[in-house]
Amino acid sequence: MKRTTSTDLYNALTRLNAAFGHDLTKVTSSTYMIPGSFLLQGAYGGWQLQRIVPGGGVISVTYGYRPKREVVEYIYAMLDGASMMEQHMERTEQTN
C-alpha cells in the first residue's frame, strides 16, 4: 500500500475546491477565507477537513482529526458523490 503524503492530501483538497468552483491558486493571505471553500486543519497528529461558512468561521466536515489516508479517501468520496449528482441532474434536465 502506497504511503499517503501531505502532497496527496493537498492535491485532493485542490480538486475538491475546483469541483465546487473555488480556484484557490489566486488567493492571497488577506482573501483566503472564501465562503464555501474547503481547507485542512492539522492537529494531534491528524487532519480535519473544514468548510468556510458565510459570515466567518468554519465547520468540520470530517469528525475529529483523522490520518491523511482517511481524509484523502473522504475527499475522493465527496468528489464521486458530486460527480454522480451532476450526472443525475444532467439526465433530469434532458428528460424535461
PDB file of N, CA and C in Angstrom:
ATOM      1  N   MET A   1       0.831  -1.160   0.000  1.00  0.00           N
ATOM      2  CA  MET A   1       0.000   0.000   0.000  1.00  0.00           C
ATOM      3  C   MET A   1       0.892   1.246   0.000  1.00  0.00           C
ATOM      4  N   LYS A   2       0.589   2.161  -0.907  1.00  0.00           N
ATOM      5  CA  LYS A   2       1.373   3.379  -1.042  1.00  0.00           C
ATOM      6  C   LYS A   2       1.121   4.323   0.143  1.00  0.00           C
ATOM      7  N   ARG A   3       2.151   4.950   0.599  1.00  0.00           N
ATOM      8  CA  ARG A   3       2.047   5.908   1.695  1.00  0.00           C
ATOM      9  C   ARG A   3       1.358   7.175   1.203  1.00  0.00           C
ATOM     10  N   THR A   4       0.449   7.724   1.992  1.00  0.00           N
ATOM     11  CA  THR A   4      -0.232   8.972   1.661  1.00  0.00           C
ATOM     12  C   THR A   4       0.580  10.127   2.226  1.00  0.00           C
ATOM     13  N   THR A   5       0.976  11.038   1.352  1.00  0.00           N
ATOM     14  CA  THR A   5       1.811  12.165   1.741  1.00  0.00           C
ATOM     15  C   THR A   5       0.982  13.440   1.891  1.00  0.00           C
ATOM     16  N   SER A   6       1.586  14.462   2.417  1.00  0.00           N
ATOM     17  CA  SER A   6       0.928  15.761   2.509  1.00  0.00           C
ATOM     18  C   SER A   6       0.603  16.308   1.120  1.00  0.00           C
ATOM     19  N   THR A   7       1.453  16.015   0.152  1.00  0.00           N
ATOM     20  CA  THR A   7       1.186  16.435  -1.230  1.00  0.00           C
ATOM     21  C   THR A   7      -0.089  15.781  -1.739  1.00  0.00           C
ATOM     22  N   ASP A   8      -0.276  14.491  -1.465  1.00  0.00           N
ATOM     23  CA  ASP A   8      -1.512  13.798  -1.861  1.00  0.00           C
ATOM     24  C   ASP A   8      -2.726  14.478  -1.232  1.00  0.00           C
ATOM     25  N   LEU A   9      -2.599  14.827   0.022  1.00  0.00           N
ATOM     26  CA  LEU A   9      -3.690  15.454   0.762  1.00  0.00           C
ATOM     27  C   LEU A   9      -4.056  16.806   0.162  1.00  0.00           C
ATOM     28  N   TYR A  10      -3.055  17.634  -0.102  1.00  0.00           N
ATOM     29  CA  TYR A  10      -3.333  18.962  -0.652  1.00  0.00           C
ATOM     30  C   TYR A  10      -3.770  18.903  -2.115  1.00  0.00           C
ATOM     31  N   ASN A  11      -3.306  17.924  -2.875  1.00  0.00           N
ATOM     32  CA  ASN A  11      -3.794  17.744  -4.245  1.00  0.00           C
ATOM     33  C   ASN A  11      -5.274  17.382  -4.244  1.00  0.00           C
ATOM     34  N   ALA A  12      -5.683  16.506  -3.319  1.00  0.00           N
ATOM     35  CA  ALA A  12      -7.095  16.141  -3.203  1.00  0.00           C
ATOM     36  C   ALA A  12      -7.925  17.356  -2.805  1.00  0.00           C
ATOM     37  N   LEU A  13      -7.411  18.172  -1.888  1.00  0.00           N
ATOM     38  CA  LEU A  13      -8.102  19.384  -1.462  1.00  0.00           C
ATOM     39  C   LEU A  13      -8.278  20.349  -2.641  1.00  0.00           C
ATOM     40  N   THR A  14      -7.255  20.494  -3.452  1.00  0.00           N
ATOM     41  CA  THR A  14      -7.330  21.375  -4.624  1.00  0.00           C
ATOM     42  C   THR A  14      -8.406  20.891  -5.587  1.00  0.00           C
ATOM     43  N   ARG A  15      -8.465  19.581  -5.819  1.00  0.00           N
ATOM     44  CA  ARG A  15      -9.501  19.008  -6.703  1.00  0.00           C
ATOM     45  C   ARG A  15     -10.893  19.249  -6.136  1.00  0.00           C
ATOM     46  N   LEU A  16     -11.049  19.093  -4.822  1.00  0.00           N
ATOM     47  CA  LEU A  16     -12.351  19.310  -4.188  1.00  0.00           C
ATOM     48  C   LEU A  16     -12.789  20.758  -4.332  1.00  0.00           C
ATOM     49  N   ASN A  17     -11.896  21.695  -4.056  1.00  0.00           N
ATOM     50  CA  ASN A  17     -12.242  23.108  -4.202  1.00  0.00           C
ATOM     51  C   ASN A  17     -12.566  23.452  -5.647  1.00  0.00           C
ATOM     52  N   ALA A  18     -11.821  22.899  -6.602  1.00  0.00           N
ATOM     53  CA  ALA A  18     -12.093  23.149  -8.018  1.00  0.00           C
ATOM     54  C   ALA A  18     -13.458  22.600  -8.417  1.00  0.00           C
ATOM     55  N   ALA A  19     -13.821  21.426  -7.902  1.00  0.00           N
ATOM     56  CA  ALA A  19     -15.116  20.823  -8.216  1.00  0.00           C
ATOM     57  C   ALA A  19     -16.277  21.685  -7.725  1.00  0.00           C
ATOM     58  N   PHE A  20     -16.048  22.440  -6.662  1.00  0.00           N
ATOM     59  CA  PHE A  20     -17.082  23.311  -6.118  1.00  0.00           C
ATOM     60  C   PHE A  20     -16.903  24.757  -6.583  1.00  0.00           C
ATOM     61  N   GLY A  21     -16.057  24.965  -7.591  1.00  0.00           N
ATOM     62  CA  GLY A  21     -15.914  26.277  -8.219  1.00  0.00           C
ATOM     63  C   GLY A  21     -15.027  27.264  -7.491  1.00  0.00           C
ATOM     64  N   HIS A  22     -14.097  26.774  -6.698  1.00  0.00           N
ATOM     65  CA  HIS A  22     -13.196  27.667  -5.965  1.00  0.00           C
ATOM     66  C   HIS A  22     -11.769  27.468  -6.455  1.00  0.00           C
ATOM     67  N   ASP A  23     -11.249  28.467  -7.185  1.00  0.00           N
ATOM     68  CA  ASP A  23      -9.862  28.427  -7.650  1.00  0.00           C
ATOM     69  C   ASP A  23      -9.008  29.133  -6.610  1.00  0.00           C
ATOM     70  N   LEU A  24      -8.382  28.349  -5.756  1.00  0.00           N
ATOM     71  CA  LEU A  24      -7.602  28.935  -4.666  1.00  0.00           C
ATOM     72  C   LEU A  24      -6.153  29.186  -5.027  1.00  0.00           C
ATOM     73  N   THR A  25      -5.799  29.007  -6.304  1.00  0.00           N
ATOM     74  CA  THR A  25      -4.420  29.270  -6.710  1.00  0.00           C
ATOM     75  C   THR A  25      -4.142  30.771  -6.760  1.00  0.00           C
ATOM     76  N   LYS A  26      -5.192  31.597  -6.828  1.00  0.00           N
ATOM     77  CA  LYS A  26      -5.013  33.050  -6.912  1.00  0.00           C
ATOM     78  C   LYS A  26      -5.318  33.744  -5.594  1.00  0.00           C
ATOM     79  N   VAL A  27      -5.463  32.988  -4.542  1.00  0.00           N
ATOM     80  CA  VAL A  27      -5.826  33.553  -3.248  1.00  0.00           C
ATOM     81  C   VAL A  27      -4.596  34.103  -2.546  1.00  0.00           C
ATOM     82  N   THR A  28      -4.761  35.264  -1.943  1.00  0.00           N
ATOM     83  CA  THR A  28      -3.683  35.859  -1.150  1.00  0.00           C
ATOM     84  C   THR A  28      -3.980  35.631   0.324  1.00  0.00           C
ATOM     85  N   SER A  29      -3.042  35.958   1.167  1.00  0.00           N
ATOM     86  CA  SER A  29      -3.233  35.745   2.601  1.00  0.00           C
ATOM     87  C   SER A  29      -4.378  36.584   3.157  1.00  0.00           C
ATOM     88  N   SER A  30      -4.731  37.690   2.503  1.00  0.00           N
ATOM     89  CA  SER A  30      -5.817  38.534   3.006  1.00  0.00           C
ATOM     90  C   SER A  30      -7.189  38.093   2.489  1.00  0.00           C
ATOM     91  N   THR A  31      -7.229  37.191   1.508  1.00  0.00           N
ATOM     92  CA  THR A  31      -8.511  36.773   0.925  1.00  0.00           C
ATOM     93  C   THR A  31      -8.702  35.263   0.957  1.00  0.00           C
ATOM     94  N   TYR A  32      -8.054  34.577   1.872  1.00  0.00           N
ATOM     95  CA  TYR A  32      -8.122  33.115   1.854  1.00  0.00           C
ATOM     96  C   TYR A  32      -9.411  32.560   2.437  1.00  0.00           C
ATOM     97  N   MET A  33     -10.189  33.365   3.139  1.00  0.00           N
ATOM     98  CA  MET A  33     -11.434  32.897   3.748  1.00  0.00           C
ATOM     99  C   MET A  33     -12.598  33.067   2.763  1.00  0.00           C
ATOM    100  N   ILE A  34     -12.642  32.243   1.734  1.00  0.00           N
ATOM    101  CA  ILE A  34     -13.697  32.310   0.731  1.00  0.00           C
ATOM    102  C   ILE A  34     -14.841  31.403   1.180  1.00  0.00           C
ATOM    103  N   PRO A  35     -16.025  31.950   1.441  1.00  0.00           N
ATOM    104  CA  PRO A  35     -17.142  31.115   1.897  1.00  0.00           C
ATOM    105  C   PRO A  35     -17.436  29.974   0.919  1.00  0.00           C
ATOM    106  N   GLY A  36     -17.631  28.796   1.455  1.00  0.00           N
ATOM    107  CA  GLY A  36     -17.917  27.618   0.646  1.00  0.00           C
ATOM    108  C   GLY A  36     -16.696  26.805   0.291  1.00  0.00           C
ATOM    109  N   SER A  37     -15.518  27.395   0.434  1.00  0.00           N
ATOM    110  CA  SER A  37     -14.300  26.657   0.103  1.00  0.00           C
ATOM    111  C   SER A  37     -13.892  25.755   1.272  1.00  0.00           C
ATOM    112  N   PHE A  38     -13.044  24.814   0.965  1.00  0.00           N
ATOM    113  CA  PHE A  38     -12.598  23.839   1.946  1.00  0.00           C
ATOM    114  C   PHE A  38     -11.153  24.111   2.340  1.00  0.00           C
ATOM    115  N   LEU A  39     -10.794  23.732   3.551  1.00  0.00           N
ATOM    116  CA  LEU A  39      -9.413  23.849   3.997  1.00  0.00           C
ATOM    117  C   LEU A  39      -9.092  22.674   4.902  1.00  0.00           C
ATOM    118  N   LEU A  40      -7.813  22.519   5.197  1.00  0.00           N
ATOM    119  CA  LEU A  40      -7.349  21.451   6.079  1.00  0.00           C
ATOM    120  C   LEU A  40      -6.789  22.038   7.356  1.00  0.00           C
ATOM    121  N   GLN A  41      -7.077  21.380   8.453  1.00  0.00           N
ATOM    122  CA  GLN A  41      -6.533  21.773   9.750  1.00  0.00           C
ATOM    123  C   GLN A  41      -5.806  20.566  10.318  1.00  0.00           C
ATOM    124  N   GLY A  42      -4.564  20.754  10.678  1.00  0.00           N
ATOM    125  CA  GLY A  42      -3.789  19.663  11.244  1.00  0.00           C
ATOM    126  C   GLY A  42      -3.581  19.859  12.738  1.00  0.00           C
ATOM    127  N   ALA A  43      -3.813  18.795  13.511  1.00  0.00           N
ATOM    128  CA  ALA A  43      -3.583  18.831  14.959  1.00  0.00           C
ATOM    129  C   ALA A  43      -3.603  17.407  15.492  1.00  0.00           C
ATOM    130  N   TYR A  44      -2.981  17.203  16.623  1.00  0.00           N
ATOM    131  CA  TYR A  44      -2.989  15.908  17.302  1.00  0.00           C
ATOM    132  C   TYR A  44      -2.485  14.766  16.417  1.00  0.00           C
ATOM    133  N   GLY A  45      -1.618  15.079  15.472  1.00  0.00           N
ATOM    134  CA  GLY A  45      -1.074  14.061  14.580  1.00  0.00           C
ATOM    135  C   GLY A  45      -2.016  13.649  13.472  1.00  0.00           C
ATOM    136  N   GLY A  46      -3.125  14.364  13.293  1.00  0.00           N
ATOM    137  CA  GLY A  46      -4.099  14.024  12.261  1.00  0.00           C
ATOM    138  C   GLY A  46      -4.551  15.262  11.509  1.00  0.00           C
ATOM    139  N   TRP A  47      -5.533  15.064  10.638  1.00  0.00           N
ATOM    140  CA  TRP A  47      -6.031  16.130   9.778  1.00  0.00           C
ATOM    141  C   TRP A  47      -7.544  16.173   9.835  1.00  0.00           C
ATOM    142  N   GLN A  48      -8.092  17.382   9.649  1.00  0.00           N
ATOM    143  CA  GLN A  48      -9.531  17.560   9.622  1.00  0.00           C
ATOM    144  C   GLN A  48      -9.886  18.408   8.407  1.00  0.00           C
ATOM    145  N   LEU A  49     -10.888  17.967   7.653  1.00  0.00           N
ATOM    146  CA  LEU A  49     -11.406  18.740   6.530  1.00  0.00           C
ATOM    147  C   LEU A  49     -12.452  19.698   7.076  1.00  0.00           C
ATOM    148  N   GLN A  50     -12.312  20.985   6.733  1.00  0.00           N
ATOM    149  CA  GLN A  50     -13.235  22.002   7.210  1.00  0.00           C
ATOM    150  C   GLN A  50     -13.746  22.814   6.030  1.00  0.00           C
ATOM    151  N   ARG A  51     -14.928  23.407   6.209  1.00  0.00           N
ATOM    152  CA  ARG A  51     -15.508  24.262   5.173  1.00  0.00           C
ATOM    153  C   ARG A  51     -15.775  25.633   5.765  1.00  0.00           C
ATOM    154  N   ILE A  52     -15.416  26.655   5.026  1.00  0.00           N
ATOM    155  CA  ILE A  52     -15.612  28.030   5.465  1.00  0.00           C
ATOM    156  C   ILE A  52     -17.076  28.409   5.226  1.00  0.00           C
ATOM    157  N   VAL A  53     -17.706  28.973   6.237  1.00  0.00           N
ATOM    158  CA  VAL A  53     -19.124  29.324   6.139  1.00  0.00           C
ATOM    159  C   VAL A  53     -19.272  30.830   5.950  1.00  0.00           C
ATOM    160  N   PRO A  54     -20.369  31.248   5.299  1.00  0.00           N
ATOM    161  CA  PRO A  54     -20.619  32.686   5.146  1.00  0.00           C
ATOM    162  C   PRO A  54     -20.726  33.355   6.519  1.00  0.00           C
ATOM    163  N   GLY A  55     -20.218  34.546   6.627  1.00  0.00           N
ATOM    164  CA  GLY A  55     -20.255  35.271   7.885  1.00  0.00           C
ATOM    165  C   GLY A  55     -19.035  35.023   8.755  1.00  0.00           C
ATOM    166  N   GLY A  56     -18.146  34.170   8.282  1.00  0.00           N
ATOM    167  CA  GLY A  56     -16.930  33.881   9.041  1.00  0.00           C
ATOM    168  C   GLY A  56     -17.022  32.596   9.818  1.00  0.00           C
ATOM    169  N   GLY A  57     -15.904  31.979  10.021  1.00  0.00           N
ATOM    170  CA  GLY A  57     -15.842  30.737  10.762  1.00  0.00           C
ATOM    171  C   GLY A  57     -15.786  29.527   9.845  1.00  0.00           C
ATOM    172  N   VAL A  58     -15.638  28.375  10.464  1.00  0.00           N
ATOM    173  CA  VAL A  58     -15.563  27.124   9.713  1.00  0.00           C
ATOM    174  C   VAL A  58     -16.419  26.066  10.409  1.00  0.00           C
ATOM    175  N   ILE A  59     -16.805  25.062   9.628  1.00  0.00           N
ATOM    176  CA  ILE A  59     -17.470  23.892  10.190  1.00  0.00           C
ATOM    177  C   ILE A  59     -16.628  22.673   9.839  1.00  0.00           C
ATOM    178  N   SER A  60     -16.629  21.706  10.708  1.00  0.00           N
ATOM    179  CA  SER A  60     -15.886  20.478  10.466  1.00  0.00           C
ATOM    180  C   SER A  60     -16.690  19.592   9.526  1.00  0.00           C
ATOM    181  N   VAL A  61     -16.039  19.104   8.490  1.00  0.00           N
ATOM    182  CA  VAL A  61     -16.674  18.178   7.562  1.00  0.00           C
ATOM    183  C   VAL A  61     -16.408  16.749   8.029  1.00  0.00           C
ATOM    184  N   THR A  62     -15.183  16.487   8.408  1.00  0.00           N
ATOM    185  CA  THR A  62     -14.842  15.179   8.956  1.00  0.00           C
ATOM    186  C   THR A  62     -14.925  15.259  10.474  1.00  0.00           C
ATOM    187  N   TYR A  63     -15.229  14.154  11.083  1.00  0.00           N
ATOM    188  CA  TYR A  63     -15.360  14.110  12.534  1.00  0.00           C
ATOM    189  C   TYR A  63     -13.990  13.886  13.159  1.00  0.00           C
ATOM    190  N   GLY A  64     -13.540  14.826  13.948  1.00  0.00           N
ATOM    191  CA  GLY A  64     -12.254  14.683  14.615  1.00  0.00           C
ATOM    192  C   GLY A  64     -11.082  14.808  13.657  1.00  0.00           C
ATOM    193  N   TYR A  65      -9.917  14.494  14.150  1.00  0.00           N
ATOM    194  CA  TYR A  65      -8.686  14.550  13.367  1.00  0.00           C
ATOM    195  C   TYR A  65      -8.331  13.136  12.945  1.00  0.00           C
ATOM    196  N   ARG A  66      -8.202  12.933  11.644  1.00  0.00           N
ATOM    197  CA  ARG A  66      -8.035  11.611  11.059  1.00  0.00           C
ATOM    198  C   ARG A  66      -6.670  11.507  10.379  1.00  0.00           C
ATOM    199  N   PRO A  67      -6.187  10.298  10.123  1.00  0.00           N
ATOM    200  CA  PRO A  67      -4.956  10.114   9.354  1.00  0.00           C
ATOM    201  C   PRO A  67      -5.125  10.643   7.922  1.00  0.00           C
ATOM    202  N   LYS A  68      -4.020  11.001   7.313  1.00  0.00           N
ATOM    203  CA  LYS A  68      -4.048  11.547   5.946  1.00  0.00           C
ATOM    204  C   LYS A  68      -4.810  10.643   4.993  1.00  0.00           C
ATOM    205  N   ARG A  69      -4.543   9.348   5.046  1.00  0.00           N
ATOM    206  CA  ARG A  69      -5.186   8.405   4.120  1.00  0.00           C
ATOM    207  C   ARG A  69      -6.711   8.485   4.235  1.00  0.00           C
ATOM    208  N   GLU A  70      -7.240   8.534   5.440  1.00  0.00           N
ATOM    209  CA  GLU A  70      -8.687   8.594   5.628  1.00  0.00           C
ATOM    210  C   GLU A  70      -9.269   9.897   5.085  1.00  0.00           C
ATOM    211  N   VAL A  71      -8.569  10.997   5.293  1.00  0.00           N
ATOM    212  CA  VAL A  71      -9.066  12.285   4.804  1.00  0.00           C
ATOM    213  C   VAL A  71      -9.052  12.312   3.280  1.00  0.00           C
ATOM    214  N   VAL A  72      -7.997  11.784   2.667  1.00  0.00           N
ATOM    215  CA  VAL A  72      -7.935  11.720   1.202  1.00  0.00           C
ATOM    216  C   VAL A  72      -9.074  10.854   0.674  1.00  0.00           C
ATOM    217  N   GLU A  73      -9.315   9.702   1.290  1.00  0.00           N
ATOM    218  CA  GLU A  73     -10.412   8.839   0.858  1.00  0.00           C
ATOM    219  C   GLU A  73     -11.759   9.530   1.026  1.00  0.00           C
ATOM    220  N   TYR A  74     -11.937  10.285   2.084  1.00  0.00           N
ATOM    221  CA  TYR A  74     -13.169  11.029   2.320  1.00  0.00           C
ATOM    222  C   TYR A  74     -13.381  12.073   1.226  1.00  0.00           C
ATOM    223  N   ILE A  75     -12.305  12.782   0.878  1.00  0.00           N
ATOM    224  CA  ILE A  75     -12.394  13.804  -0.173  1.00  0.00           C
ATOM    225  C   ILE A  75     -12.764  13.154  -1.507  1.00  0.00           C
ATOM    226  N   TYR A  76     -12.134  12.032  -1.843  1.00  0.00           N
ATOM    227  CA  TYR A  76     -12.464  11.367  -3.107  1.00  0.00           C
ATOM    228  C   TYR A  76     -13.895  10.845  -3.102  1.00  0.00           C
ATOM    229  N   ALA A  77     -14.403  10.418  -1.958  1.00  0.00           N
ATOM    230  CA  ALA A  77     -15.804  10.001  -1.866  1.00  0.00           C
ATOM    231  C   ALA A  77     -16.726  11.197  -2.119  1.00  0.00           C
ATOM    232  N   MET A  78     -16.356  12.364  -1.595  1.00  0.00           N
ATOM    233  CA  MET A  78     -17.146  13.567  -1.855  1.00  0.00           C
ATOM    234  C   MET A  78     -17.130  13.930  -3.338  1.00  0.00           C
ATOM    235  N   LEU A  79     -15.963  13.799  -3.968  1.00  0.00           N
ATOM    236  CA  LEU A  79     -15.852  14.083  -5.395  1.00  0.00           C
ATOM    237  C   LEU A  79     -16.702  13.114  -6.213  1.00  0.00           C
ATOM    238  N   ASP A  80     -16.684  11.837  -5.854  1.00  0.00           N
ATOM    239  CA  ASP A  80     -17.505  10.844  -6.551  1.00  0.00           C
ATOM    240  C   ASP A  80     -18.988  11.175  -6.394  1.00  0.00           C
ATOM    241  N   GLY A  81     -19.403  11.528  -5.185  1.00  0.00           N
ATOM    242  CA  GLY A  81     -20.797  11.888  -4.943  1.00  0.00           C
ATOM    243  C   GLY A  81     -21.216  13.115  -5.735  1.00  0.00           C
ATOM    244  N   ALA A  82     -20.355  14.120  -5.792  1.00  0.00           N
ATOM    245  CA  ALA A  82     -20.659  15.333  -6.558  1.00  0.00           C
ATOM    246  C   ALA A  82     -20.777  15.015  -8.044  1.00  0.00           C
ATOM    247  N   SER A  83     -19.916  14.138  -8.541  1.00  0.00           N
ATOM    248  CA  SER A  83     -19.961  13.736  -9.949  1.00  0.00           C
ATOM    249  C   SER A  83     -21.253  12.979 -10.256  1.00  0.00           C
ATOM    250  N   MET A  84     -21.640  12.077  -9.357  1.00  0.00           N
ATOM    251  CA  MET A  84     -22.883  11.327  -9.551  1.00  0.00           C
ATOM    252  C   MET A  84     -24.090  12.264  -9.551  1.00  0.00           C
ATOM    253  N   MET A  85     -24.096  13.244  -8.671  1.00  0.00           N
ATOM    254  CA  MET A  85     -25.202  14.195  -8.612  1.00  0.00           C
ATOM    255  C   MET A  85     -25.257  15.045  -9.878  1.00  0.00           C
ATOM    256  N   GLU A  86     -24.098  15.449 -10.377  1.00  0.00           N
ATOM    257  CA  GLU A  86     -24.051  16.238 -11.600  1.00  0.00           C
ATOM    258  C   GLU A  86     -24.604  15.440 -12.781  1.00  0.00           C
ATOM    259  N   GLN A  87     -24.219  14.163 -12.886  1.00  0.00           N
ATOM    260  CA  GLN A  87     -24.734  13.305 -13.958  1.00  0.00           C
ATOM    261  C   GLN A  87     -26.236  13.126 -13.827  1.00  0.00           C
ATOM    262  N   HIS A  88     -26.718  12.959 -12.612  1.00  0.00           N
ATOM    263  CA  HIS A  88     -28.157  12.805 -12.379  1.00  0.00           C
ATOM    264  C   HIS A  88     -28.905  14.065 -12.813  1.00  0.00           C
ATOM    265  N   MET A  89     -28.375  15.226 -12.473  1.00  0.00           N
ATOM    266  CA  MET A  89     -29.023  16.485 -12.834  1.00  0.00           C
ATOM    267  C   MET A  89     -29.044  16.680 -14.346  1.00  0.00           C
ATOM    268  N   GLU A  90     -27.969  16.284 -15.029  1.00  0.00           N
ATOM    269  CA  GLU A  90     -27.921  16.396 -16.488  1.00  0.00           C
ATOM    270  C   GLU A  90     -28.985  15.510 -17.134  1.00  0.00           C
ATOM    271  N   ARG A  91     -29.136  14.273 -16.632  1.00  0.00           N
ATOM    272  CA  ARG A  91     -30.152  13.364 -17.162  1.00  0.00           C
ATOM    273  C   ARG A  91     -31.557  13.906 -16.900  1.00  0.00           C
ATOM    274  N   THR A  92     -31.761  14.498 -15.729  1.00  0.00           N
ATOM    275  CA  THR A  92     -33.057  15.060 -15.378  1.00  0.00           C
ATOM    276  C   THR A  92     -33.406  16.217 -16.295  1.00  0.00           C
ATOM    277  N   GLU A  93     -32.428  17.068 -16.595  1.00  0.00           N
ATOM    278  CA  GLU A  93     -32.659  18.207 -17.484  1.00  0.00           C
ATOM    279  C   GLU A  93     -32.963  17.754 -18.898  1.00  0.00           C
ATOM    280  N   GLN A  94     -32.337  16.681 -19.352  1.00  0.00           N
ATOM    281  CA  GLN A  94     -32.562  16.175 -20.705  1.00  0.00           C
ATOM    282  C   GLN A  94     -33.967  15.604 -20.868  1.00  0.00           C
ATOM    283  N   THR A  95     -34.536  15.043 -19.818  1.00  0.00           N
ATOM    284  CA  THR A  95     -35.867  14.451 -19.912  1.00  0.00           C
ATOM    285  C   THR A  95     -36.972  15.488 -19.789  1.00  0.00           C
ATOM    286  N   ASN A  96     -36.648  16.667 -19.299  1.00  0.00           N
ATOM    287  CA  ASN A  96     -37.686  17.725 -19.151  1.00  0.00           C
ATOM    288  C   ASN A  96     -37.772  18.579 -20.360  1.00  0.00           C
TER     289      ASN A  96
END
